[in-house]
Amino acid sequence: MIRRPWYRRLLIAAAAVAAVALASAQSDRGTQRQFVLMHMDGPIMPPTRDCFQRALDVAVRERAELLLIEMNTPGGHGEAMRQIAQEILNARVPVVVYVTPSGARAASAGAVIGITAHVLAMAPSTNIGAAHPVLGTGGDIPGDMRDKVVNDMSAFLRTVAERRGKSADWADSIVRKSVASTETEAHKAGVVDLIASDRDDLFRKLDGRKVKLGDGTERPLHTIGLRATEVEPTWVERLLLLLFDGNVTLILGAIAFYGIIAEVQNPGAIVPGVIGSIALVLSLYSMSVLSVNAAGVALLLLAAILFVVEVYAPTHGILTAGGITAFIFGALMLFRDSSTGARVSIIVVLGLALFTAAFFIFVIGSVIKSRRMPPGTGPDTLVGALGRAKTALDPEGSVLVEGALWRAVNVGMDPIAAGDSVLVKARDNLLLKVVRAEAPEAGPVYQSARSTE
């Protein structure tokens, strides 16, 4: 019998103990119960719906004890809210909505999602309610359509409240009367299930509580000792959510304005036009989802008109001052009474107003003034320059000369069709006098030595 040294026996025993401990830890991690956590902060938008669906899928796939939504929202997009509510009603895993931290709210669309949850909890000093439907512009829905939308939403919330054992009258009042309640008022009204100071307190109060899932089965909650699996928005969802920020929407609209104006003043530059067009599409998409105010949009359009007119017909700054004023008030009113909670920063508004005024006065204005210089003055009068007719000159039309579009008149004997080369003979402020440019005669490519003798 071979006896190993004592220190080798000690090392083998220690390795065996470590292996058993590691296997036990891995087994505990594999069997430890968990919950899925999602933060629903800010306006509820289509990307929020996508993130929620992923979180719910994870909770079902991992057989989580529950899906916890920690909410702080001013409201959001109606269709996204309805889809989230339908997913909760048919969920195969308990969904708990917790309005937190103190000072948070579950307004409008957030209140609807909270009522559809299997359990609705709130932290101290929070509020919930005010779910009256409005137009995409933030105003009241007119006429019979308002009654249809309000009645539809009211019926939906009443039946959900009854299913969850909550006050159907309170659910009806937040739709018809825009009622909002504190956490204590909502708890007394039978709407909020629990008031919890923090997540640990919430889980202590949830432990042992029974909830009824979409298939009618009851399921007790065991919430002590759960580990969290957090689901966060993807980079695509974060990018799309950024588009629904009021400040970003306003900046994109300004970029679109700058780019399009720059392209009009310098046809063929391409880059300003492309950037402006992309920014315009993104801005319009953002405003189609956010609730914009019609008066704010009108004031922004008026500001643009005043800036443009000031460049072409200088009024010693009067129209510029009017444009700045209209821009500031229009931007501040753009998301007034928005159901999505979108807002703009006063710093962003003032900065864009001053930058826009400077853009027109110093950039676009200098281009226009250079074209108004009398013939014979300035570094380049364009006389003798070649260009191309954009339209037929019969006798007037437009020509492209040195990257700029000009109004032109044909002063020659030959007709000028669209696409013909033209030669500038004179300039009268913004009017060019041109003639058809003769194409140079093609010469021989080479000459032999014999032909030159």
Protein backbone atom coordinates (compact mmCIF):
# COMPACT_ATOMS: atom_id res chain seq x y z
CA MET A 1 0.00 0.00 0.00
CA ILE A 2 1.35 3.35 -1.11
CA ARG A 3 0.84 6.15 1.39
CA ARG A 4 0.69 9.67 0.06
CA PRO A 5 2.38 12.48 1.95
CA TRP A 6 0.12 14.23 4.43
CA TYR A 7 0.14 17.53 2.51
CA ARG A 8 -1.06 15.81 -0.70
CA ARG A 9 -3.97 14.24 1.17
CA LEU A 10 -4.81 17.68 2.55
CA LEU A 11 -4.78 19.26 -0.93
CA ILE A 12 -7.04 16.53 -2.36
CA ALA A 13 -9.52 16.98 0.49
CA ALA A 14 -9.58 20.76 0.03
CA ALA A 15 -10.18 20.39 -3.71
CA ALA A 16 -13.06 18.01 -3.05
CA VAL A 17 -14.67 20.44 -0.58
CA ALA A 18 -14.29 23.32 -3.06
CA ALA A 19 -15.85 21.28 -5.87
CA VAL A 20 -18.84 20.39 -3.71
CA ALA A 21 -19.30 24.03 -2.64
CA LEU A 22 -19.08 25.27 -6.24
CA ALA A 23 -21.61 22.70 -7.44
CA SER A 24 -23.95 23.66 -4.60
CA ALA A 25 -23.64 27.38 -5.43
CA GLN A 26 -24.32 26.76 -9.09
CA SER A 27 -27.33 24.64 -8.18
CA ASP A 28 -28.65 27.41 -5.92
CA ARG A 29 -28.22 30.00 -8.68
CA GLY A 30 -29.99 27.78 -11.17
CA THR A 31 -32.95 27.15 -8.88
CA GLN A 32 -33.21 30.57 -7.21
CA ARG A 33 -36.52 32.22 -7.97
CA GLN A 34 -36.45 35.53 -9.82
CA PHE A 35 -38.54 38.47 -10.94
CA VAL A 36 -38.20 40.54 -14.11
CA LEU A 37 -37.82 44.31 -13.63
CA MET A 38 -38.69 47.03 -16.15
CA HIS A 39 -38.57 50.80 -15.62
CA MET A 40 -41.36 52.71 -17.39
CA ASP A 41 -40.08 56.28 -17.07
CA GLY A 42 -41.13 59.20 -19.26
CA PRO A 43 -43.80 59.22 -21.98
CA ILE A 44 -45.25 55.87 -23.03
CA MET A 45 -44.42 55.51 -26.72
CA PRO A 46 -44.25 52.67 -29.30
CA PRO A 47 -40.65 51.83 -28.24
CA THR A 48 -41.94 51.53 -24.64
CA ARG A 49 -44.47 48.96 -25.86
CA ASP A 50 -41.71 47.00 -27.62
CA CYS A 51 -39.55 46.98 -24.47
CA PHE A 52 -42.52 45.83 -22.37
CA GLN A 53 -43.25 42.95 -24.75
CA ARG A 54 -39.63 41.81 -24.50
CA ALA A 55 -39.76 41.99 -20.69
CA LEU A 56 -42.98 39.96 -20.63
CA ASP A 57 -41.47 37.35 -22.95
CA VAL A 58 -38.43 37.06 -20.67
CA ALA A 59 -40.68 36.63 -17.61
CA VAL A 60 -42.64 33.83 -19.30
CA ARG A 61 -39.56 32.10 -20.71
CA GLU A 62 -37.65 32.20 -17.42
CA ARG A 63 -40.75 31.25 -15.40
CA ALA A 64 -40.32 34.36 -13.28
CA GLU A 65 -42.41 34.90 -10.18
CA LEU A 66 -43.66 38.21 -11.55
CA LEU A 67 -42.96 41.12 -13.88
CA LEU A 68 -42.45 44.33 -11.89
CA ILE A 69 -42.97 47.66 -13.69
CA GLU A 70 -41.63 50.62 -11.75
CA MET A 71 -43.57 53.53 -13.26
CA ASN A 72 -43.21 57.30 -13.43
CA THR A 73 -44.98 58.66 -16.50
CA PRO A 74 -47.06 61.69 -17.56
CA GLY A 75 -48.97 59.58 -20.11
CA GLY A 76 -48.29 58.79 -23.71
CA HIS A 77 -49.42 57.37 -27.02
CA GLY A 78 -52.96 55.94 -26.90
CA GLU A 79 -52.40 52.97 -29.20
CA ALA A 80 -49.19 51.92 -27.42
CA MET A 81 -51.02 52.13 -24.09
CA ARG A 82 -53.90 49.97 -25.37
CA GLN A 83 -51.53 47.28 -26.66
CA ILE A 84 -49.65 47.12 -23.36
CA ALA A 85 -52.94 46.83 -21.48
CA GLN A 86 -54.06 43.95 -23.72
CA GLU A 87 -50.76 42.15 -23.16
CA ILE A 88 -51.20 42.45 -19.38
CA LEU A 89 -54.78 41.18 -19.45
CA ASN A 90 -53.67 38.04 -21.32
CA ALA A 91 -50.35 37.58 -19.51
CA ARG A 92 -49.35 34.15 -18.21
CA VAL A 93 -47.23 35.71 -15.47
CA PRO A 94 -48.34 38.20 -12.77
CA VAL A 95 -47.69 41.85 -13.64
CA VAL A 96 -47.21 44.33 -10.79
CA VAL A 97 -47.16 48.08 -11.42
CA TYR A 98 -45.41 50.11 -8.73
CA VAL A 99 -45.62 53.93 -9.00
CA THR A 100 -42.31 55.07 -7.56
CA PRO A 101 -40.30 56.97 -6.28
CA SER A 102 -41.98 59.59 -4.11
CA GLY A 103 -43.14 62.43 -6.33
CA ALA A 104 -43.76 60.09 -9.28
CA ARG A 105 -47.07 59.82 -11.13
CA ALA A 106 -49.07 57.43 -13.26
CA ALA A 107 -51.06 59.90 -15.32
CA SER A 108 -53.27 59.33 -18.36
CA ALA A 109 -51.97 56.23 -20.19
CA GLY A 110 -49.98 55.27 -17.09
CA ALA A 111 -53.18 55.16 -15.02
CA VAL A 112 -54.83 52.84 -17.55
CA ILE A 113 -51.86 50.44 -17.50
CA GLY A 114 -51.83 50.56 -13.69
CA ILE A 115 -55.50 49.54 -13.46
CA THR A 116 -54.99 46.60 -15.84
CA ALA A 117 -52.09 45.21 -13.74
CA HIS A 118 -52.73 42.25 -11.46
CA VAL A 119 -51.46 44.36 -8.56
CA LEU A 120 -51.21 48.16 -8.43
CA ALA A 121 -48.96 49.64 -5.76
CA MET A 122 -47.85 53.19 -5.06
CA ALA A 123 -45.10 54.83 -3.05
CA PRO A 124 -45.93 57.66 -0.60
CA SER A 125 -46.45 61.13 -2.16
CA THR A 126 -47.39 59.84 -5.62
CA ASN A 127 -50.54 60.32 -7.70
CA ILE A 128 -52.57 58.59 -10.37
CA GLY A 129 -55.40 59.46 -12.79
CA ALA A 130 -56.38 62.11 -15.40
CA ALA A 131 -56.95 59.76 -18.36
CA HIS A 132 -59.34 61.88 -20.41
CA PRO A 133 -58.76 61.20 -24.17
CA VAL A 134 -57.57 64.15 -26.28
CA LEU A 135 -56.60 64.83 -29.86
CA GLY A 136 -53.06 64.45 -31.15
CA THR A 137 -52.88 68.25 -30.99
CA GLY A 138 -53.62 68.16 -27.26
CA GLY A 139 -57.08 69.74 -27.66
CA ASP A 140 -60.49 68.28 -26.94
CA ILE A 141 -61.99 65.86 -29.43
CA PRO A 142 -64.87 67.67 -31.18
CA GLY A 143 -68.53 66.72 -31.46
CA ASP A 144 -69.86 63.18 -31.62
CA MET A 145 -66.39 61.71 -32.04
CA ARG A 146 -65.51 62.85 -28.51
CA ASP A 147 -68.49 60.94 -27.09
CA LYS A 148 -67.52 57.81 -29.01
CA VAL A 149 -63.89 57.87 -27.85
CA VAL A 150 -64.75 58.72 -24.23
CA ASN A 151 -67.47 56.07 -24.03
CA ASP A 152 -65.16 53.46 -25.53
CA MET A 153 -62.35 54.22 -23.08
CA SER A 154 -64.77 54.39 -20.15
CA ALA A 155 -66.30 51.00 -20.99
CA PHE A 156 -62.84 49.46 -21.33
CA LEU A 157 -61.65 50.77 -17.95
CA ARG A 158 -64.90 49.86 -16.16
CA THR A 159 -64.75 46.24 -17.27
CA VAL A 160 -61.03 46.01 -16.42
CA ALA A 161 -61.62 47.56 -12.98
CA GLU A 162 -64.41 45.08 -12.26
CA ARG A 163 -62.20 42.20 -13.37
CA ARG A 164 -59.43 43.36 -11.02
CA GLY A 165 -61.85 44.01 -8.15
CA LYS A 166 -61.33 47.77 -8.22
CA SER A 167 -63.71 50.74 -8.17
CA ALA A 168 -65.40 51.00 -11.58
CA ASP A 169 -66.80 54.44 -10.69
CA TRP A 170 -63.33 55.82 -10.01
CA ALA A 171 -62.07 54.33 -13.27
CA ASP A 172 -64.94 56.03 -15.10
CA SER A 173 -64.24 59.38 -13.42
CA ILE A 174 -60.60 59.56 -14.55
CA VAL A 175 -61.82 59.28 -18.15
CA ARG A 176 -64.89 61.51 -18.07
CA LYS A 177 -63.79 64.08 -15.48
CA SER A 178 -59.97 63.80 -15.58
CA VAL A 179 -59.95 62.99 -11.85
CA ALA A 180 -56.52 62.46 -10.29
CA SER A 181 -55.91 61.05 -6.81
CA THR A 182 -53.08 60.76 -4.33
CA GLU A 183 -51.94 57.31 -3.25
CA THR A 184 -54.00 57.49 -0.04
CA GLU A 185 -57.13 58.70 -1.86
CA ALA A 186 -56.76 55.99 -4.50
CA HIS A 187 -56.24 53.35 -1.79
CA LYS A 188 -59.39 54.45 0.06
CA ALA A 189 -61.30 54.41 -3.24
CA GLY A 190 -60.37 50.78 -3.74
CA VAL A 191 -58.11 51.37 -6.73
CA VAL A 192 -54.61 50.91 -5.33
CA ASP A 193 -53.89 47.54 -3.73
CA LEU A 194 -50.82 48.49 -1.69
CA ILE A 195 -48.86 51.48 -0.47
CA ALA A 196 -45.21 50.55 -0.09
CA SER A 197 -42.29 52.75 0.91
CA ASP A 198 -39.74 50.86 -1.22
CA ARG A 199 -39.27 47.65 -3.21
CA ASP A 200 -38.42 45.54 -0.16
CA ASP A 201 -41.55 46.77 1.60
CA LEU A 202 -43.56 46.00 -1.54
CA PHE A 203 -42.28 42.42 -1.71
CA ARG A 204 -43.01 41.84 1.97
CA LYS A 205 -46.61 42.95 1.45
CA LEU A 206 -46.98 40.98 -1.79
CA ASP A 207 -45.78 37.69 -0.31
CA GLY A 208 -48.65 35.20 -0.12
CA ARG A 209 -51.05 37.37 -2.11
CA LYS A 210 -53.10 35.54 -4.76
CA VAL A 211 -53.66 36.91 -8.26
CA LYS A 212 -55.84 35.63 -11.09
CA LEU A 213 -54.10 35.20 -14.47
CA GLY A 214 -55.57 35.59 -17.93
CA ASP A 215 -56.63 31.91 -18.12
CA GLY A 216 -58.61 32.23 -14.86
CA THR A 217 -56.19 30.30 -12.66
CA GLU A 218 -55.18 31.71 -9.29
CA ARG A 219 -51.51 31.96 -8.44
CA PRO A 220 -50.01 32.82 -5.05
CA LEU A 221 -47.04 35.15 -5.03
CA HIS A 222 -43.84 34.18 -3.22
CA THR A 223 -41.77 37.34 -3.24
CA ILE A 224 -39.24 36.83 -0.45
CA GLY A 225 -35.66 36.21 -1.59
CA LEU A 226 -36.21 36.90 -5.29
CA ARG A 227 -33.33 37.96 -7.51
CA ALA A 228 -33.87 40.61 -10.18
CA THR A 229 -33.47 40.23 -13.94
CA GLU A 230 -33.68 43.71 -15.41
CA VAL A 231 -34.78 44.30 -19.00
CA GLU A 232 -33.55 47.59 -20.46
CA PRO A 233 -34.36 49.27 -23.79
CA THR A 234 -32.20 48.30 -26.76
CA TRP A 235 -30.11 50.95 -28.52
CA VAL A 236 -32.73 51.11 -31.27
CA GLU A 237 -35.51 51.70 -28.73
CA ARG A 238 -33.39 54.35 -26.96
CA LEU A 239 -32.79 56.11 -30.29
CA LEU A 240 -36.49 56.09 -31.15
CA LEU A 241 -37.39 57.32 -27.67
CA LEU A 242 -34.92 60.17 -28.19
CA LEU A 243 -36.93 61.26 -31.24
CA PHE A 244 -39.96 61.69 -28.99
CA ASP A 245 -38.18 64.24 -26.80
CA GLY A 246 -39.69 67.69 -27.30
CA ASN A 247 -36.29 69.40 -27.49
CA VAL A 248 -35.03 66.94 -30.12
CA THR A 249 -38.19 67.42 -32.18
CA LEU A 250 -37.74 71.19 -32.15
CA ILE A 251 -34.04 70.95 -33.05
CA LEU A 252 -34.77 68.57 -35.93
CA GLY A 253 -37.38 70.98 -37.27
CA ALA A 254 -34.87 73.84 -37.14
CA ILE A 255 -32.21 71.76 -38.93
CA ALA A 256 -34.74 70.89 -41.63
CA PHE A 257 -35.51 74.59 -42.08
CA TYR A 258 -31.84 75.58 -42.34
CA GLY A 259 -31.02 72.79 -44.77
CA ILE A 260 -33.91 73.43 -47.14
CA ILE A 261 -33.33 77.20 -47.21
CA ALA A 262 -29.60 76.68 -47.83
CA GLU A 263 -30.36 74.28 -50.70
CA VAL A 264 -32.80 76.74 -52.28
CA GLN A 265 -30.21 79.50 -52.15
CA ASN A 266 -27.45 77.22 -53.50
CA PRO A 267 -29.02 74.71 -55.90
CA GLY A 268 -26.84 71.70 -56.51
CA ALA A 269 -25.11 71.81 -53.12
CA ILE A 270 -26.99 68.56 -52.33
CA VAL A 271 -25.67 68.08 -48.78
CA PRO A 272 -27.87 70.77 -47.10
CA GLY A 273 -30.91 69.48 -48.97
CA VAL A 274 -30.30 65.87 -48.00
CA ILE A 275 -29.69 66.70 -44.34
CA GLY A 276 -32.70 69.03 -44.26
CA SER A 277 -34.98 66.45 -45.86
CA ILE A 278 -33.96 63.72 -43.41
CA ALA A 279 -34.42 66.05 -40.45
CA LEU A 280 -37.84 67.10 -41.79
CA VAL A 281 -39.06 63.50 -42.07
CA LEU A 282 -37.83 62.65 -38.56
CA SER A 283 -39.39 65.80 -37.12
CA LEU A 284 -42.75 65.12 -38.79
CA TYR A 285 -42.68 61.51 -37.55
CA SER A 286 -41.98 62.71 -34.03
CA MET A 287 -44.76 65.31 -34.11
CA SER A 288 -47.22 62.74 -35.53
CA VAL A 289 -46.78 60.70 -32.33
CA LEU A 290 -46.47 63.57 -29.87
CA SER A 291 -49.43 65.82 -29.14
CA VAL A 292 -48.56 69.12 -30.82
CA ASN A 293 -50.50 72.32 -30.38
CA ALA A 294 -51.91 73.85 -33.58
CA ALA A 295 -51.32 77.42 -32.36
CA GLY A 296 -47.67 76.61 -31.64
CA VAL A 297 -47.18 75.20 -35.14
CA ALA A 298 -48.81 78.28 -36.68
CA LEU A 299 -46.51 80.62 -34.74
CA LEU A 300 -43.42 78.67 -35.85
CA LEU A 301 -44.51 78.90 -39.49
CA LEU A 302 -45.13 82.65 -39.04
CA ALA A 303 -41.62 83.03 -37.59
CA ALA A 304 -40.14 81.29 -40.65
CA ILE A 305 -42.05 83.60 -43.00
CA LEU A 306 -40.94 86.71 -41.13
CA PHE A 307 -37.28 85.64 -41.23
CA VAL A 308 -37.41 84.99 -44.98
CA VAL A 309 -39.19 88.27 -45.75
CA GLU A 310 -36.65 90.19 -43.66
CA VAL A 311 -33.83 88.88 -45.86
CA TYR A 312 -35.48 89.85 -49.15
CA ALA A 313 -37.06 93.09 -47.94
CA PRO A 314 -34.97 94.50 -45.07
CA THR A 315 -37.05 96.35 -42.48
CA HIS A 316 -34.17 97.36 -40.20
CA GLY A 317 -34.75 94.40 -37.88
CA ILE A 318 -38.48 94.86 -37.30
CA LEU A 319 -39.45 91.55 -38.94
CA THR A 320 -36.49 89.80 -37.33
CA ALA A 321 -37.68 90.87 -33.89
CA GLY A 322 -41.16 89.69 -34.79
CA GLY A 323 -39.77 86.36 -36.02
CA ILE A 324 -37.82 85.80 -32.80
CA THR A 325 -40.91 86.58 -30.71
CA ALA A 326 -43.13 84.28 -32.78
CA PHE A 327 -40.54 81.50 -32.63
CA ILE A 328 -40.18 81.68 -28.85
CA PHE A 329 -43.91 81.66 -28.15
CA GLY A 330 -44.56 79.01 -30.80
CA ALA A 331 -41.89 76.70 -29.41
CA LEU A 332 -43.15 77.11 -25.85
CA MET A 333 -46.72 76.42 -26.97
CA LEU A 334 -45.83 73.52 -29.29
CA PHE A 335 -46.49 70.84 -26.66
CA ARG A 336 -48.83 72.77 -24.37
CA ASP A 337 -51.50 70.46 -22.90
CA SER A 338 -49.74 67.51 -24.52
CA SER A 339 -51.15 64.17 -23.38
CA THR A 340 -47.69 62.64 -23.84
CA GLY A 341 -46.03 65.00 -21.38
CA ALA A 342 -43.57 66.30 -23.99
CA ARG A 343 -41.91 69.60 -23.06
CA VAL A 344 -39.17 71.90 -24.36
CA SER A 345 -36.39 73.63 -22.46
CA ILE A 346 -36.45 77.43 -22.38
CA ILE A 347 -32.67 77.39 -22.92
CA VAL A 348 -33.08 75.35 -26.12
CA VAL A 349 -35.85 77.65 -27.32
CA LEU A 350 -33.87 80.86 -26.77
CA GLY A 351 -30.73 79.37 -28.28
CA LEU A 352 -32.53 78.23 -31.44
CA ALA A 353 -34.33 81.58 -31.78
CA LEU A 354 -31.08 83.55 -31.68
CA PHE A 355 -29.25 81.09 -33.94
CA THR A 356 -32.08 81.18 -36.50
CA ALA A 357 -32.06 84.97 -36.56
CA ALA A 358 -28.27 85.02 -37.01
CA PHE A 359 -28.51 82.37 -39.74
CA PHE A 360 -30.83 84.51 -41.83
CA ILE A 361 -29.22 87.85 -41.14
CA PHE A 362 -25.58 86.93 -41.63
CA VAL A 363 -25.56 83.80 -43.81
CA ILE A 364 -28.55 83.94 -46.12
CA GLY A 365 -28.58 87.73 -46.05
CA SER A 366 -24.99 87.93 -47.29
CA VAL A 367 -25.82 85.66 -50.22
CA ILE A 368 -28.79 87.77 -51.24
CA LYS A 369 -26.88 91.04 -50.87
CA SER A 370 -24.03 89.77 -53.03
CA ARG A 371 -26.49 89.17 -55.81
CA ARG A 372 -27.89 92.67 -55.49
CA MET A 373 -24.56 94.40 -56.12
CA PRO A 374 -24.77 96.70 -59.15
CA PRO A 375 -22.97 95.68 -62.37
CA GLY A 376 -19.26 96.39 -62.38
CA THR A 377 -18.85 96.16 -58.58
CA GLY A 378 -17.85 93.35 -56.32
CA PRO A 379 -15.25 90.63 -56.74
CA ASP A 380 -17.34 88.70 -59.29
CA THR A 381 -19.98 90.24 -61.53
CA LEU A 382 -20.58 86.95 -63.39
CA VAL A 383 -20.12 88.70 -66.73
CA GLY A 384 -18.46 86.24 -69.08
CA ALA A 385 -19.35 83.23 -66.95
CA LEU A 386 -20.79 80.11 -68.51
CA GLY A 387 -23.91 78.42 -67.22
CA ARG A 388 -26.73 76.10 -68.20
CA ALA A 389 -30.39 76.88 -68.82
CA LYS A 390 -32.70 75.15 -66.35
CA THR A 391 -35.76 76.20 -68.37
CA ALA A 392 -36.32 77.48 -71.87
CA LEU A 393 -35.64 81.24 -72.14
CA ASP A 394 -38.49 82.62 -74.21
CA PRO A 395 -37.31 85.24 -73.54
CA GLU A 396 -37.10 84.78 -69.73
CA GLY A 397 -36.44 81.74 -67.61
CA SER A 398 -33.95 80.42 -65.08
CA VAL A 399 -30.29 79.49 -65.47
CA LEU A 400 -27.73 77.84 -63.21
CA VAL A 401 -24.50 79.85 -63.04
CA GLU A 402 -21.66 79.02 -60.67
CA GLY A 403 -23.88 76.86 -58.49
CA ALA A 404 -26.66 79.45 -58.04
CA LEU A 405 -30.06 79.66 -59.69
CA TRP A 406 -30.74 83.01 -61.41
CA ARG A 407 -33.55 84.64 -63.31
CA ALA A 408 -32.31 85.32 -66.82
CA VAL A 409 -33.40 86.89 -70.11
CA ASN A 410 -32.20 85.89 -73.60
CA VAL A 411 -30.68 88.95 -75.31
CA GLY A 412 -29.22 87.03 -78.24
CA MET A 413 -30.61 86.06 -81.64
CA ASP A 414 -30.45 82.28 -81.09
CA PRO A 415 -33.22 80.58 -79.06
CA ILE A 416 -32.20 78.98 -75.76
CA ALA A 417 -33.79 75.67 -74.75
CA ALA A 418 -33.57 73.89 -71.40
CA GLY A 419 -30.16 72.30 -71.05
CA ASP A 420 -28.36 74.67 -73.46
CA SER A 421 -25.13 76.34 -72.42
CA VAL A 422 -25.43 80.08 -71.87
CA LEU A 423 -22.95 82.96 -71.62
CA VAL A 424 -23.58 85.85 -69.24
CA LYS A 425 -23.32 89.17 -71.06
CA ALA A 426 -24.55 91.49 -68.33
CA ARG A 427 -26.25 91.60 -64.95
CA ASP A 428 -29.00 93.85 -63.70
CA ASN A 429 -29.24 93.17 -59.94
CA LEU A 430 -30.87 89.72 -59.76
CA LEU A 431 -31.48 89.47 -63.54
CA LEU A 432 -28.83 88.03 -65.83
CA LYS A 433 -28.67 88.89 -69.53
CA VAL A 434 -27.42 85.88 -71.43
CA VAL A 435 -26.92 84.53 -74.92
CA ARG A 436 -26.65 81.00 -76.19
CA ALA A 437 -23.04 79.84 -75.88
CA GLU A 438 -21.56 78.34 -79.01
CA ALA A 439 -20.03 74.90 -78.51
CA PRO A 440 -16.35 74.89 -79.53
CA GLU A 441 -15.65 73.19 -82.81
CA ALA A 442 -14.03 69.79 -82.45
CA GLY A 443 -10.43 69.81 -83.74
CA PRO A 444 -8.36 66.88 -84.95
CA VAL A 445 -7.12 64.55 -82.30
CA TYR A 446 -3.67 64.49 -83.91
CA GLN A 447 -1.92 65.61 -87.07
CA SER A 448 0.64 63.59 -88.96
CA ALA A 449 4.03 65.05 -89.67
CA ARG A 450 3.29 64.94 -93.41
CA SER A 451 0.13 67.03 -93.03
CA THR A 452 2.10 69.92 -91.55
CA GLU A 453 4.59 70.12 -94.45
